[in-house]
Amino acid sequence: PPTRPACPNPHGGTCLGPLPRGEYHTTTFAPAITYEVPDGWMNMEDLPGNFWLYLQEDAGGQSPARGGSYLGTYNTVNAASIDCRDAPQEGVGATSTELMEWYQSLPGLIASEPVSVTVGGLDGLQIDLTLREGDQTCSFDGSFGVPLIIGNGVSSLHHVMGEEMDIRLVVLDWGGRNVTLEITNVREQHSAEEFRSQLQPINDSLVFEE
């Protein structure tokens, strides 16, 4: 079999880097993912709890503090603490219903009505989020916004809803935990409609395997 290329991200686990059009499989993320991409995408994390895809044209806009436009897939997220601590929000569970109820109640967010979805064989809920003008409650490395999601220890992240972005969260129930897709577009790079349209074929191809 061909040798797997070295991951160009030193913290990216078994990522594949630039991806020619084709079908691929994660080797570290759990649950394992089979996915297909058109030309022009990059895979820069394949870790136990984090899987990351973004367009090669957006590579220069992916910064640790402010991020960029991407699809992040995570093995279980929690709601991030609204008081800006690097901790989960107390009292909010990890099911799709519990997380959606929290985001709909969260001051500072404009949240759509959650819709039921099935992705890759898992069922859950999808919600679209934007920041209400003037509501920037926390600062992280110069990035202001409303705390949104945090990793559970398997997944490693702490993401904030900023005014320059739109976020679609797809929370899929998975044995008392969740598999969450975070579809984030930075408006300087892509409109929400454009980026979600580009990602839809990838999302449609996802298969989660136990």
Foldseek 3Di string as FASTA:
>chain_A
DDDQDCQPAPQAPSWRFADAFDWDWADADPLIKIWTAHHFKTWRHRHPFKTKMDGPVCVVVADPFPGAFIKIKGFFKAFCDQQADQDHHPPAFAAQVSLVVCQVPDPFKDKDDWDWDAFQNFIHTKMKIAGDPPDFNDADPNATAGWGIAHPVRDGDTDGHGRQKMWMWTWTDDPRGTIIIIGMHRVVVHDPVVSCVNCVNRRNGIHGDD
